[in-house]
Amino acid sequence: MTEVKEKAPLVGQDGAFASSAKPMGKREQTKLNNREAILNAAREVFAELGYGATTVRDIIRKTGLASGTFYNYYKSKEEAFEALMDDGMRRIRPRLKADRIRSRNFEEFIRNAYRTYFDYLATDRMTFQIMRRNPAALRVRMDTPEMIAGFEEIREYIEEDIRDGNVPPVDSEYLMAAVVGMAMEIGDRMIMRAEIDPKVAADFATTLVLHGFHALPIKADAKKG
């Protein structure tokens, strides 16, 4: 598998390059703290009330900050929600990169990536609640910068495997869309179940991507019939 090249230095949420050498000033620290307080509050409110019922006032009330402070960072609840989506992708992208590095072939990468994503949904309780309460909002807000960058990264991984001969020369954009779309839809269904099993979800998605629905295991109750 082609070695994954290191990316450029990470960019902070305010657009500045992250640097461990330069200490953060008081003003920058305050801005960071305010943004974190707003996003933490938004995460809780969206999980509790759902996207449709949430108002900016609900978020502000949860932060304890002045209303003007919220609008210094976000113009609306829509922007705050999009920032949360970016934050989630920002946290999971390093895990997917680690999956890429440790996988010996394309099948292992797909399986490991699905397992990582489904484990993330199952163990991050706040993300779990947001997805359960806001499935429609998640579907229409997939074009944030971090989400687009994450999807593009997966497409690049696929193209690397195509060049290496590990994957047939298929349309990498369509394959990426299929892989990501299945992750979103299966993950959405998984968290609605009484028993949440990320391994079962990952095995199902991986088998469907690599071998088609004819290779999927037959449900036990169907065999009895």
C-alpha atoms as a PDB file:
ATOM      1  CA  MET A   1       0.000   0.000   0.000  1.00  0.00           C
ATOM      2  CA  THR A   2       1.349   3.438  -0.930  1.00  0.00           C
ATOM      3  CA  GLU A   3       2.847   5.359   1.970  1.00  0.00           C
ATOM      4  CA  VAL A   4       0.581   8.154   3.161  1.00  0.00           C
ATOM      5  CA  LYS A   5       2.267  11.530   2.902  1.00  0.00           C
ATOM      6  CA  GLU A   6       2.159  13.882   5.832  1.00  0.00           C
ATOM      7  CA  LYS A   7      -0.290  16.735   5.505  1.00  0.00           C
ATOM      8  CA  ALA A   8       0.419  20.405   5.988  1.00  0.00           C
ATOM      9  CA  PRO A   9       0.264  21.758   9.568  1.00  0.00           C
ATOM     10  CA  LEU A  10      -3.204  21.710  11.042  1.00  0.00           C
ATOM     11  CA  VAL A  11      -5.205  24.891  10.892  1.00  0.00           C
ATOM     12  CA  GLY A  12      -7.061  25.995  13.986  1.00  0.00           C
ATOM     13  CA  GLN A  13     -10.769  26.828  14.038  1.00  0.00           C
ATOM     14  CA  ASP A  14      -9.980  30.528  13.769  1.00  0.00           C
ATOM     15  CA  GLY A  15      -7.893  29.916  10.640  1.00  0.00           C
ATOM     16  CA  ALA A  16      -4.487  30.284  12.323  1.00  0.00           C
ATOM     17  CA  PHE A  17      -1.820  27.622  11.981  1.00  0.00           C
ATOM     18  CA  ALA A  18      -1.394  25.581  15.122  1.00  0.00           C
ATOM     19  CA  SER A  19       2.061  25.898  16.636  1.00  0.00           C
ATOM     20  CA  SER A  20       3.468  24.466  19.825  1.00  0.00           C
ATOM     21  CA  ALA A  21       6.445  26.847  19.727  1.00  0.00           C
ATOM     22  CA  LYS A  22       4.508  30.089  19.990  1.00  0.00           C
ATOM     23  CA  PRO A  23       2.544  30.560  23.227  1.00  0.00           C
ATOM     24  CA  MET A  24      -1.047  31.683  22.855  1.00  0.00           C
ATOM     25  CA  GLY A  25      -1.806  35.237  23.929  1.00  0.00           C
ATOM     26  CA  LYS A  26      -4.572  36.144  26.366  1.00  0.00           C
ATOM     27  CA  ARG A  27      -6.868  37.437  23.618  1.00  0.00           C
ATOM     28  CA  GLU A  28      -6.410  34.330  21.494  1.00  0.00           C
ATOM     29  CA  GLN A  29      -7.013  32.109  24.527  1.00  0.00           C
ATOM     30  CA  THR A  30     -10.222  33.980  25.331  1.00  0.00           C
ATOM     31  CA  LYS A  31     -11.453  33.556  21.767  1.00  0.00           C
ATOM     32  CA  LEU A  32     -10.640  29.861  21.894  1.00  0.00           C
ATOM     33  CA  ASN A  33     -12.421  29.444  25.229  1.00  0.00           C
ATOM     34  CA  ASN A  34     -15.506  31.307  23.985  1.00  0.00           C
ATOM     35  CA  ARG A  35     -15.721  29.248  20.816  1.00  0.00           C
ATOM     36  CA  GLU A  36     -15.329  26.040  22.799  1.00  0.00           C
ATOM     37  CA  ALA A  37     -18.028  27.113  25.254  1.00  0.00           C
ATOM     38  CA  ILE A  38     -20.431  27.897  22.408  1.00  0.00           C
ATOM     39  CA  LEU A  39     -19.820  24.617  20.609  1.00  0.00           C
ATOM     40  CA  ASN A  40     -20.093  22.575  23.803  1.00  0.00           C
ATOM     41  CA  ALA A  41     -23.380  24.291  24.597  1.00  0.00           C
ATOM     42  CA  ALA A  42     -24.649  23.818  21.048  1.00  0.00           C
ATOM     43  CA  ARG A  43     -23.711  20.138  21.168  1.00  0.00           C
ATOM     44  CA  GLU A  44     -25.742  19.647  24.356  1.00  0.00           C
ATOM     45  CA  VAL A  45     -28.754  21.632  23.164  1.00  0.00           C
ATOM     46  CA  PHE A  46     -28.935  19.955  19.739  1.00  0.00           C
ATOM     47  CA  ALA A  47     -28.690  16.569  21.447  1.00  0.00           C
ATOM     48  CA  GLU A  48     -31.427  17.464  23.930  1.00  0.00           C
ATOM     49  CA  LEU A  49     -33.916  19.421  21.822  1.00  0.00           C
ATOM     50  CA  GLY A  50     -33.126  18.458  18.250  1.00  0.00           C
ATOM     51  CA  TYR A  51     -32.091  20.788  15.454  1.00  0.00           C
ATOM     52  CA  GLY A  52     -35.555  22.035  14.556  1.00  0.00           C
ATOM     53  CA  ALA A  53     -36.553  23.020  18.092  1.00  0.00           C
ATOM     54  CA  THR A  54     -33.222  24.597  19.032  1.00  0.00           C
ATOM     55  CA  THR A  55     -32.861  28.377  18.959  1.00  0.00           C
ATOM     56  CA  VAL A  56     -29.807  30.587  19.259  1.00  0.00           C
ATOM     57  CA  ARG A  57     -31.194  31.788  22.574  1.00  0.00           C
ATOM     58  CA  ASP A  58     -31.165  28.201  23.894  1.00  0.00           C
ATOM     59  CA  ILE A  59     -27.477  27.909  23.017  1.00  0.00           C
ATOM     60  CA  ILE A  60     -26.591  31.295  24.507  1.00  0.00           C
ATOM     61  CA  ARG A  61     -28.432  30.478  27.717  1.00  0.00           C
ATOM     62  CA  LYS A  62     -26.391  27.289  28.053  1.00  0.00           C
ATOM     63  CA  THR A  63     -23.072  29.109  27.619  1.00  0.00           C
ATOM     64  CA  GLY A  64     -23.643  31.859  30.160  1.00  0.00           C
ATOM     65  CA  LEU A  65     -22.079  34.303  27.681  1.00  0.00           C
ATOM     66  CA  ALA A  66     -23.614  37.496  26.363  1.00  0.00           C
ATOM     67  CA  SER A  67     -25.688  37.188  23.200  1.00  0.00           C
ATOM     68  CA  GLY A  68     -23.267  39.465  21.355  1.00  0.00           C
ATOM     69  CA  THR A  69     -20.444  37.030  22.075  1.00  0.00           C
ATOM     70  CA  PHE A  70     -22.246  34.252  20.221  1.00  0.00           C
ATOM     71  CA  TYR A  71     -22.719  36.417  17.147  1.00  0.00           C
ATOM     72  CA  ASN A  72     -19.030  37.307  17.160  1.00  0.00           C
ATOM     73  CA  TYR A  73     -18.385  33.690  16.146  1.00  0.00           C
ATOM     74  CA  TYR A  74     -21.520  32.399  14.439  1.00  0.00           C
ATOM     75  CA  LYS A  75     -24.332  34.160  12.600  1.00  0.00           C
ATOM     76  CA  SER A  76     -26.954  31.503  13.275  1.00  0.00           C
ATOM     77  CA  LYS A  77     -27.665  28.092  14.736  1.00  0.00           C
ATOM     78  CA  GLU A  78     -27.015  26.722  11.240  1.00  0.00           C
ATOM     79  CA  GLU A  79     -23.406  27.920  11.372  1.00  0.00           C
ATOM     80  CA  ALA A  80     -22.970  26.497  14.877  1.00  0.00           C
ATOM     81  CA  PHE A  81     -24.301  23.135  13.706  1.00  0.00           C
ATOM     82  CA  GLU A  82     -21.973  23.136  10.705  1.00  0.00           C
ATOM     83  CA  ALA A  83     -19.071  23.897  13.049  1.00  0.00           C
ATOM     84  CA  LEU A  84     -20.018  20.839  15.092  1.00  0.00           C
ATOM     85  CA  MET A  85     -19.994  18.695  11.948  1.00  0.00           C
ATOM     86  CA  ASP A  86     -16.540  20.026  11.103  1.00  0.00           C
ATOM     87  CA  ASP A  87     -15.376  19.328  14.643  1.00  0.00           C
ATOM     88  CA  GLY A  88     -16.528  15.715  14.417  1.00  0.00           C
ATOM     89  CA  MET A  89     -14.753  15.173  11.103  1.00  0.00           C
ATOM     90  CA  ARG A  90     -11.643  16.903  12.450  1.00  0.00           C
ATOM     91  CA  ARG A  91     -11.516  14.390  15.297  1.00  0.00           C
ATOM     92  CA  ILE A  92     -12.105  11.287  13.190  1.00  0.00           C
ATOM     93  CA  ARG A  93      -9.769  12.074  10.275  1.00  0.00           C
ATOM     94  CA  PRO A  94      -6.570  11.235  12.242  1.00  0.00           C
ATOM     95  CA  ARG A  95      -8.112   7.881  13.179  1.00  0.00           C
ATOM     96  CA  LEU A  96      -8.903   7.124   9.541  1.00  0.00           C
ATOM     97  CA  LYS A  97      -5.350   8.075   8.587  1.00  0.00           C
ATOM     98  CA  ALA A  98      -4.037   5.661  11.229  1.00  0.00           C
ATOM     99  CA  ASP A  99      -6.298   2.968   9.768  1.00  0.00           C
ATOM    100  CA  ARG A 100      -4.824   3.668   6.349  1.00  0.00           C
ATOM    101  CA  ILE A 101      -1.260   3.333   7.594  1.00  0.00           C
ATOM    102  CA  ARG A 102      -1.801   0.066   9.490  1.00  0.00           C
ATOM    103  CA  SER A 103      -3.891  -1.638   6.793  1.00  0.00           C
ATOM    104  CA  ARG A 104      -2.053  -4.051   4.490  1.00  0.00           C
ATOM    105  CA  ASN A 105      -4.568  -3.838   1.648  1.00  0.00           C
ATOM    106  CA  PHE A 106      -7.717  -2.080   0.502  1.00  0.00           C
ATOM    107  CA  GLU A 107     -10.049  -4.582   2.159  1.00  0.00           C
ATOM    108  CA  GLU A 108      -8.385  -4.109   5.530  1.00  0.00           C
ATOM    109  CA  PHE A 109      -8.545  -0.333   5.167  1.00  0.00           C
ATOM    110  CA  ILE A 110     -12.271  -0.357   4.359  1.00  0.00           C
ATOM    111  CA  ARG A 111     -13.021  -2.732   7.228  1.00  0.00           C
ATOM    112  CA  ASN A 112     -10.883  -0.808   9.721  1.00  0.00           C
ATOM    113  CA  ALA A 113     -12.284   2.550   8.610  1.00  0.00           C
ATOM    114  CA  TYR A 114     -15.879   1.378   8.970  1.00  0.00           C
ATOM    115  CA  ARG A 115     -15.139  -0.105  12.380  1.00  0.00           C
ATOM    116  CA  THR A 116     -13.487   3.131  13.512  1.00  0.00           C
ATOM    117  CA  TYR A 117     -16.466   5.221  12.394  1.00  0.00           C
ATOM    118  CA  PHE A 118     -19.106   2.939  13.910  1.00  0.00           C
ATOM    119  CA  ASP A 119     -17.148   2.655  17.168  1.00  0.00           C
ATOM    120  CA  TYR A 120     -16.974   6.464  17.247  1.00  0.00           C
ATOM    121  CA  LEU A 121     -20.755   6.722  16.945  1.00  0.00           C
ATOM    122  CA  ALA A 122     -21.326   4.075  19.595  1.00  0.00           C
ATOM    123  CA  THR A 123     -18.898   5.446  22.190  1.00  0.00           C
ATOM    124  CA  ASP A 124     -19.190   9.228  21.764  1.00  0.00           C
ATOM    125  CA  ARG A 125     -22.463   9.700  23.596  1.00  0.00           C
ATOM    126  CA  MET A 126     -23.002  13.324  22.596  1.00  0.00           C
ATOM    127  CA  THR A 127     -22.429  12.590  18.917  1.00  0.00           C
ATOM    128  CA  PHE A 128     -24.737   9.596  19.334  1.00  0.00           C
ATOM    129  CA  GLN A 129     -27.511  11.804  20.705  1.00  0.00           C
ATOM    130  CA  ILE A 130     -27.023  14.476  18.037  1.00  0.00           C
ATOM    131  CA  MET A 131     -27.298  11.919  15.257  1.00  0.00           C
ATOM    132  CA  ARG A 132     -30.396  10.360  16.777  1.00  0.00           C
ATOM    133  CA  ARG A 133     -32.109  13.707  17.225  1.00  0.00           C
ATOM    134  CA  ASN A 134     -30.969  15.392  14.009  1.00  0.00           C
ATOM    135  CA  PRO A 135     -30.771  12.888  11.117  1.00  0.00           C
ATOM    136  CA  ALA A 136     -32.358  15.265   8.585  1.00  0.00           C
ATOM    137  CA  ALA A 137     -30.045  18.145   9.490  1.00  0.00           C
ATOM    138  CA  LEU A 138     -27.005  15.896   9.155  1.00  0.00           C
ATOM    139  CA  ARG A 139     -28.000  14.911   5.646  1.00  0.00           C
ATOM    140  CA  VAL A 140     -28.288  18.463   4.348  1.00  0.00           C
ATOM    141  CA  ARG A 141     -25.102  19.811   5.958  1.00  0.00           C
ATOM    142  CA  MET A 142     -22.412  17.661   4.396  1.00  0.00           C
ATOM    143  CA  ASP A 143     -20.619  20.406   2.450  1.00  0.00           C
ATOM    144  CA  THR A 144     -18.651  22.022   5.268  1.00  0.00           C
ATOM    145  CA  PRO A 145     -14.907  22.543   4.629  1.00  0.00           C
ATOM    146  CA  GLU A 146     -13.709  19.809   6.972  1.00  0.00           C
ATOM    147  CA  MET A 147     -16.286  17.309   5.710  1.00  0.00           C
ATOM    148  CA  ILE A 148     -15.293  17.975   2.102  1.00  0.00           C
ATOM    149  CA  ALA A 149     -11.603  17.599   2.998  1.00  0.00           C
ATOM    150  CA  GLY A 150     -12.313  14.298   4.759  1.00  0.00           C
ATOM    151  CA  PHE A 151     -14.222  12.912   1.776  1.00  0.00           C
ATOM    152  CA  GLU A 152     -11.481  14.048  -0.595  1.00  0.00           C
ATOM    153  CA  GLU A 153      -8.904  12.278   1.563  1.00  0.00           C
ATOM    154  CA  ILE A 154     -10.822   9.006   1.227  1.00  0.00           C
ATOM    155  CA  ARG A 155     -11.009   9.493  -2.548  1.00  0.00           C
ATOM    156  CA  GLU A 156      -7.228   9.995  -2.634  1.00  0.00           C
ATOM    157  CA  TYR A 157      -6.734   6.752  -0.708  1.00  0.00           C
ATOM    158  CA  ILE A 158      -8.886   4.929  -3.268  1.00  0.00           C
ATOM    159  CA  GLU A 159      -6.929   6.438  -6.158  1.00  0.00           C
ATOM    160  CA  GLU A 160      -3.657   5.342  -4.570  1.00  0.00           C
ATOM    161  CA  ASP A 161      -4.926   1.768  -4.458  1.00  0.00           C
ATOM    162  CA  ILE A 162      -6.110   2.000  -8.059  1.00  0.00           C
ATOM    163  CA  ARG A 163      -2.624   3.139  -9.129  1.00  0.00           C
ATOM    164  CA  ASP A 164      -1.038   0.321  -7.103  1.00  0.00           C
ATOM    165  CA  GLY A 165      -3.295  -2.247  -8.736  1.00  0.00           C
ATOM    166  CA  ASN A 166      -5.087  -3.110  -5.486  1.00  0.00           C
ATOM    167  CA  VAL A 167      -8.444  -1.872  -6.796  1.00  0.00           C
ATOM    168  CA  PRO A 168      -9.833  -2.092 -10.358  1.00  0.00           C
ATOM    169  CA  PRO A 169      -9.742   1.223 -12.312  1.00  0.00           C
ATOM    170  CA  VAL A 170     -13.236   2.291 -11.286  1.00  0.00           C
ATOM    171  CA  ASP A 171     -14.652   5.794 -10.846  1.00  0.00           C
ATOM    172  CA  SER A 172     -12.965   6.844  -7.585  1.00  0.00           C
ATOM    173  CA  GLU A 173     -15.426   9.659  -6.920  1.00  0.00           C
ATOM    174  CA  TYR A 174     -18.439   7.366  -7.197  1.00  0.00           C
ATOM    175  CA  LEU A 175     -16.771   4.693  -5.080  1.00  0.00           C
ATOM    176  CA  MET A 176     -15.897   7.257  -2.406  1.00  0.00           C
ATOM    177  CA  ALA A 177     -19.512   8.498  -2.421  1.00  0.00           C
ATOM    178  CA  ALA A 178     -20.788   4.932  -2.073  1.00  0.00           C
ATOM    179  CA  VAL A 179     -18.414   4.115   0.791  1.00  0.00           C
ATOM    180  CA  VAL A 180     -19.223   7.333   2.673  1.00  0.00           C
ATOM    181  CA  GLY A 181     -22.947   7.150   1.967  1.00  0.00           C
ATOM    182  CA  MET A 182     -23.138   3.612   3.317  1.00  0.00           C
ATOM    183  CA  ALA A 183     -21.246   4.648   6.441  1.00  0.00           C
ATOM    184  CA  MET A 184     -23.721   7.457   7.112  1.00  0.00           C
ATOM    185  CA  GLU A 185     -26.858   5.429   6.429  1.00  0.00           C
ATOM    186  CA  ILE A 186     -25.784   2.219   8.186  1.00  0.00           C
ATOM    187  CA  GLY A 187     -24.460   4.234  11.126  1.00  0.00           C
ATOM    188  CA  ASP A 188     -27.794   6.036  11.367  1.00  0.00           C
ATOM    189  CA  ARG A 189     -29.643   2.702  11.482  1.00  0.00           C
ATOM    190  CA  MET A 190     -27.140   1.140  13.872  1.00  0.00           C
ATOM    191  CA  ILE A 191     -27.650   3.708  16.611  1.00  0.00           C
ATOM    192  CA  MET A 192     -31.433   3.258  16.430  1.00  0.00           C
ATOM    193  CA  ARG A 193     -31.158  -0.409  17.393  1.00  0.00           C
ATOM    194  CA  ALA A 194     -31.666  -1.694  20.909  1.00  0.00           C
ATOM    195  CA  GLU A 195     -28.347  -3.564  20.684  1.00  0.00           C
ATOM    196  CA  ILE A 196     -25.630  -1.481  19.036  1.00  0.00           C
ATOM    197  CA  ASP A 197     -22.864  -3.607  17.517  1.00  0.00           C
ATOM    198  CA  PRO A 198     -20.202  -1.671  15.543  1.00  0.00           C
ATOM    199  CA  LYS A 199     -18.469  -4.887  14.437  1.00  0.00           C
ATOM    200  CA  VAL A 200     -21.608  -6.281  12.841  1.00  0.00           C
ATOM    201  CA  ALA A 201     -22.245  -2.960  11.104  1.00  0.00           C
ATOM    202  CA  ALA A 202     -18.634  -2.780   9.859  1.00  0.00           C
ATOM    203  CA  ASP A 203     -18.680  -6.373   8.592  1.00  0.00           C
ATOM    204  CA  PHE A 204     -21.956  -5.771   6.749  1.00  0.00           C
ATOM    205  CA  ALA A 205     -20.749  -2.549   5.101  1.00  0.00           C
ATOM    206  CA  THR A 206     -17.357  -4.017   4.159  1.00  0.00           C
ATOM    207  CA  THR A 207     -18.875  -7.144   2.613  1.00  0.00           C
ATOM    208  CA  LEU A 208     -21.386  -5.113   0.631  1.00  0.00           C
ATOM    209  CA  VAL A 209     -18.712  -2.751  -0.732  1.00  0.00           C
ATOM    210  CA  LEU A 210     -16.254  -5.486  -1.692  1.00  0.00           C
ATOM    211  CA  HIS A 211     -18.483  -8.373  -2.733  1.00  0.00           C
ATOM    212  CA  GLY A 212     -22.019  -7.129  -3.347  1.00  0.00           C
ATOM    213  CA  PHE A 213     -25.274  -8.140  -1.702  1.00  0.00           C
ATOM    214  CA  HIS A 214     -25.022 -11.777  -2.883  1.00  0.00           C
ATOM    215  CA  ALA A 215     -22.173 -12.274  -0.393  1.00  0.00           C
ATOM    216  CA  LEU A 216     -24.057 -10.906   2.625  1.00  0.00           C
ATOM    217  CA  PRO A 217     -24.881 -13.378   5.414  1.00  0.00           C
ATOM    218  CA  ILE A 218     -28.488 -14.551   5.592  1.00  0.00           C
ATOM    219  CA  LYS A 219     -30.372 -13.540   8.744  1.00  0.00           C
ATOM    220  CA  ALA A 220     -31.004 -16.373  11.162  1.00  0.00           C
ATOM    221  CA  ASP A 221     -34.807 -15.941  11.190  1.00  0.00           C
ATOM    222  CA  ALA A 222     -34.873 -16.065   7.363  1.00  0.00           C
ATOM    223  CA  LYS A 223     -33.066 -19.423   7.365  1.00  0.00           C
ATOM    224  CA  LYS A 224     -35.766 -20.950   9.561  1.00  0.00           C
ATOM    225  CA  GLY A 225     -38.425 -20.093   6.989  1.00  0.00           C
END
